[in-house]
Amino acid sequence: MVSRAPFSGWRRNIVVLVTIAAIAAALSTISYQYSTNNANGILKIASQDVRSNAEIQAHDVANNLVNKVDAAGNNLQILARSPAVLGNDVKGAIPLFSAAQQATSDFTS
């Protein structure tokens, strides 16, 4: 009788190794998919956060601009109603124009 024990043990080892390799490949694929899904979720949240911050900053800049334009408009209304301007008193109006320009110097030049 011929003994098959050495070959059957060798085949069993191969089957175990192939099974371990298949399980490792499956776990690797699952881990990759999990990481990819998490990365995509983080990217989506970060993108929404950046968009939200940009909208908030744009709103703030727009409000700041409106306030500065209003201030310049108010200065112009005051200048237009001043007696020196209405009376064509150039020398008397110069300090008013200078003060109005200095009040909005961060916006006007």
C-alpha atoms as a PDB file:
ATOM      1  CA  MET A   1       0.000   0.000   0.000  1.00  0.00           C
ATOM      2  CA  VAL A   2       1.126   3.444  -0.856  1.00  0.00           C
ATOM      3  CA  SER A   3       0.792   6.050   1.838  1.00  0.00           C
ATOM      4  CA  ARG A   4      -0.837   9.333   0.775  1.00  0.00           C
ATOM      5  CA  ALA A   5      -0.339  11.104   4.074  1.00  0.00           C
ATOM      6  CA  PRO A   6       2.526  13.400   2.925  1.00  0.00           C
ATOM      7  CA  PHE A   7       0.587  14.639  -0.142  1.00  0.00           C
ATOM      8  CA  SER A   8      -2.730  15.044   1.627  1.00  0.00           C
ATOM      9  CA  GLY A   9      -1.025  17.162   4.328  1.00  0.00           C
ATOM     10  CA  TRP A  10       0.674  19.270   1.660  1.00  0.00           C
ATOM     11  CA  ARG A  11      -2.608  19.772  -0.173  1.00  0.00           C
ATOM     12  CA  ARG A  12      -4.328  20.669   3.052  1.00  0.00           C
ATOM     13  CA  ASN A  13      -1.640  23.298   3.727  1.00  0.00           C
ATOM     14  CA  ILE A  14      -2.137  24.746   0.239  1.00  0.00           C
ATOM     15  CA  VAL A  15      -5.901  24.889   0.772  1.00  0.00           C
ATOM     16  CA  VAL A  16      -5.404  26.635   4.123  1.00  0.00           C
ATOM     17  CA  LEU A  17      -2.968  29.131   2.575  1.00  0.00           C
ATOM     18  CA  VAL A  18      -5.302  29.840  -0.357  1.00  0.00           C
ATOM     19  CA  THR A  19      -8.210  30.282   2.067  1.00  0.00           C
ATOM     20  CA  ILE A  20      -6.184  32.674   4.223  1.00  0.00           C
ATOM     21  CA  ALA A  21      -5.104  34.612   1.120  1.00  0.00           C
ATOM     22  CA  ALA A  22      -8.715  34.840  -0.097  1.00  0.00           C
ATOM     23  CA  ILE A  23      -9.915  36.038   3.308  1.00  0.00           C
ATOM     24  CA  ALA A  24      -7.062  38.566   3.457  1.00  0.00           C
ATOM     25  CA  ALA A  25      -7.941  39.848  -0.025  1.00  0.00           C
ATOM     26  CA  ALA A  26     -11.616  40.137   0.915  1.00  0.00           C
ATOM     27  CA  LEU A  27     -10.795  41.977   4.146  1.00  0.00           C
ATOM     28  CA  SER A  28      -8.421  44.247   2.261  1.00  0.00           C
ATOM     29  CA  THR A  29     -11.132  45.092  -0.276  1.00  0.00           C
ATOM     30  CA  ILE A  30     -13.676  45.741   2.473  1.00  0.00           C
ATOM     31  CA  SER A  31     -11.181  47.919   4.342  1.00  0.00           C
ATOM     32  CA  TYR A  32     -10.411  49.875   1.160  1.00  0.00           C
ATOM     33  CA  GLN A  33     -14.108  50.434   0.458  1.00  0.00           C
ATOM     34  CA  TYR A  34     -14.706  51.531   4.054  1.00  0.00           C
ATOM     35  CA  SER A  35     -11.787  53.977   3.917  1.00  0.00           C
ATOM     36  CA  THR A  36     -12.916  55.332   0.554  1.00  0.00           C
ATOM     37  CA  ASN A  37     -16.464  55.864   1.806  1.00  0.00           C
ATOM     38  CA  ASN A  38     -15.196  57.623   4.932  1.00  0.00           C
ATOM     39  CA  ALA A  39     -12.857  59.827   2.896  1.00  0.00           C
ATOM     40  CA  ASN A  40     -15.690  60.764   0.536  1.00  0.00           C
ATOM     41  CA  GLY A  41     -17.926  61.598   3.499  1.00  0.00           C
ATOM     42  CA  ILE A  42     -15.234  63.765   5.060  1.00  0.00           C
ATOM     43  CA  LEU A  43     -14.640  65.487   1.718  1.00  0.00           C
ATOM     44  CA  LYS A  44     -18.361  66.203   1.349  1.00  0.00           C
ATOM     45  CA  ILE A  45     -18.613  67.649   4.865  1.00  0.00           C
ATOM     46  CA  ALA A  46     -15.468  69.741   4.390  1.00  0.00           C
ATOM     47  CA  SER A  47     -16.732  71.020   1.044  1.00  0.00           C
ATOM     48  CA  GLN A  48     -20.054  72.041   2.597  1.00  0.00           C
ATOM     49  CA  ASP A  49     -18.208  73.746   5.449  1.00  0.00           C
ATOM     50  CA  VAL A  50     -16.008  75.726   3.045  1.00  0.00           C
ATOM     51  CA  ARG A  51     -19.045  76.713   0.973  1.00  0.00           C
ATOM     52  CA  SER A  52     -20.931  77.802   4.095  1.00  0.00           C
ATOM     53  CA  ASN A  53     -17.972  79.845   5.347  1.00  0.00           C
ATOM     54  CA  ALA A  54     -17.586  81.499   1.940  1.00  0.00           C
ATOM     55  CA  GLU A  55     -21.272  82.444   1.914  1.00  0.00           C
ATOM     56  CA  ILE A  56     -21.017  83.897   5.419  1.00  0.00           C
ATOM     57  CA  GLN A  57     -17.916  85.893   4.502  1.00  0.00           C
ATOM     58  CA  ALA A  58     -19.522  87.156   1.285  1.00  0.00           C
ATOM     59  CA  HIS A  59     -22.577  88.248   3.273  1.00  0.00           C
ATOM     60  CA  ASP A  60     -20.356  90.059   5.789  1.00  0.00           C
ATOM     61  CA  VAL A  61     -18.379  91.796   3.034  1.00  0.00           C
ATOM     62  CA  ALA A  62     -21.599  92.853   1.311  1.00  0.00           C
ATOM     63  CA  ASN A  63     -22.991  94.279   4.561  1.00  0.00           C
ATOM     64  CA  ASN A  64     -19.719  96.087   5.230  1.00  0.00           C
ATOM     65  CA  LEU A  65     -19.785  97.592   1.742  1.00  0.00           C
ATOM     66  CA  VAL A  66     -23.408  98.710   2.169  1.00  0.00           C
ATOM     67  CA  ASN A  67     -22.520 100.393   5.457  1.00  0.00           C
ATOM     68  CA  LYS A  68     -19.558 102.207   3.913  1.00  0.00           C
ATOM     69  CA  VAL A  69     -21.553 103.358   0.887  1.00  0.00           C
ATOM     70  CA  ASP A  70     -24.300 104.568   3.234  1.00  0.00           C
ATOM     71  CA  ALA A  71     -21.740 106.520   5.269  1.00  0.00           C
ATOM     72  CA  ALA A  72     -20.347 108.145   2.119  1.00  0.00           C
ATOM     73  CA  GLY A  73     -23.888 108.914   0.940  1.00  0.00           C
ATOM     74  CA  ASN A  74     -24.748 110.478   4.289  1.00  0.00           C
ATOM     75  CA  ASN A  75     -21.626 112.634   4.094  1.00  0.00           C
ATOM     76  CA  LEU A  76     -22.609 113.782   0.611  1.00  0.00           C
ATOM     77  CA  GLN A  77     -26.107 114.668   1.797  1.00  0.00           C
ATOM     78  CA  ILE A  78     -24.685 116.675   4.686  1.00  0.00           C
ATOM     79  CA  LEU A  79     -22.276 118.451   2.335  1.00  0.00           C
ATOM     80  CA  ALA A  80     -25.013 119.198  -0.179  1.00  0.00           C
ATOM     81  CA  ARG A  81     -27.166 120.798   2.528  1.00  0.00           C
ATOM     82  CA  SER A  82     -24.394 122.801   4.155  1.00  0.00           C
ATOM     83  CA  PRO A  83     -24.683 126.579   3.929  1.00  0.00           C
ATOM     84  CA  ALA A  84     -21.127 126.903   2.597  1.00  0.00           C
ATOM     85  CA  VAL A  85     -21.862 124.630  -0.374  1.00  0.00           C
ATOM     86  CA  LEU A  86     -25.303 126.123  -0.988  1.00  0.00           C
ATOM     87  CA  GLY A  87     -23.801 129.620  -0.881  1.00  0.00           C
ATOM     88  CA  ASN A  88     -20.898 128.689  -3.206  1.00  0.00           C
ATOM     89  CA  ASP A  89     -18.424 129.523  -0.431  1.00  0.00           C
ATOM     90  CA  VAL A  90     -15.480 127.454  -1.657  1.00  0.00           C
ATOM     91  CA  LYS A  91     -13.118 128.468   1.156  1.00  0.00           C
ATOM     92  CA  GLY A  92     -15.762 127.719   3.768  1.00  0.00           C
ATOM     93  CA  ALA A  93     -16.615 124.346   2.184  1.00  0.00           C
ATOM     94  CA  ILE A  94     -13.032 123.024   2.049  1.00  0.00           C
ATOM     95  CA  PRO A  95     -12.934 122.037   5.755  1.00  0.00           C
ATOM     96  CA  LEU A  96     -16.297 120.289   5.350  1.00  0.00           C
ATOM     97  CA  PHE A  97     -15.057 118.298   2.359  1.00  0.00           C
ATOM     98  CA  SER A  98     -11.841 117.424   4.202  1.00  0.00           C
ATOM     99  CA  ALA A  99     -13.741 116.254   7.284  1.00  0.00           C
ATOM    100  CA  ALA A 100     -16.173 114.217   5.189  1.00  0.00           C
ATOM    101  CA  GLN A 101     -13.325 112.578   3.280  1.00  0.00           C
ATOM    102  CA  GLN A 102     -11.433 111.763   6.485  1.00  0.00           C
ATOM    103  CA  ALA A 103     -14.571 110.232   8.001  1.00  0.00           C
ATOM    104  CA  THR A 104     -14.675 107.711   5.156  1.00  0.00           C
ATOM    105  CA  SER A 105     -10.957 107.618   4.307  1.00  0.00           C
ATOM    106  CA  ASP A 106     -10.839 103.817   4.582  1.00  0.00           C
ATOM    107  CA  PHE A 107     -13.344 103.686   1.730  1.00  0.00           C
ATOM    108  CA  THR A 108     -12.814 106.888  -0.241  1.00  0.00           C
ATOM    109  CA  SER A 109      -9.644 108.521  -1.442  1.00  0.00           C
END
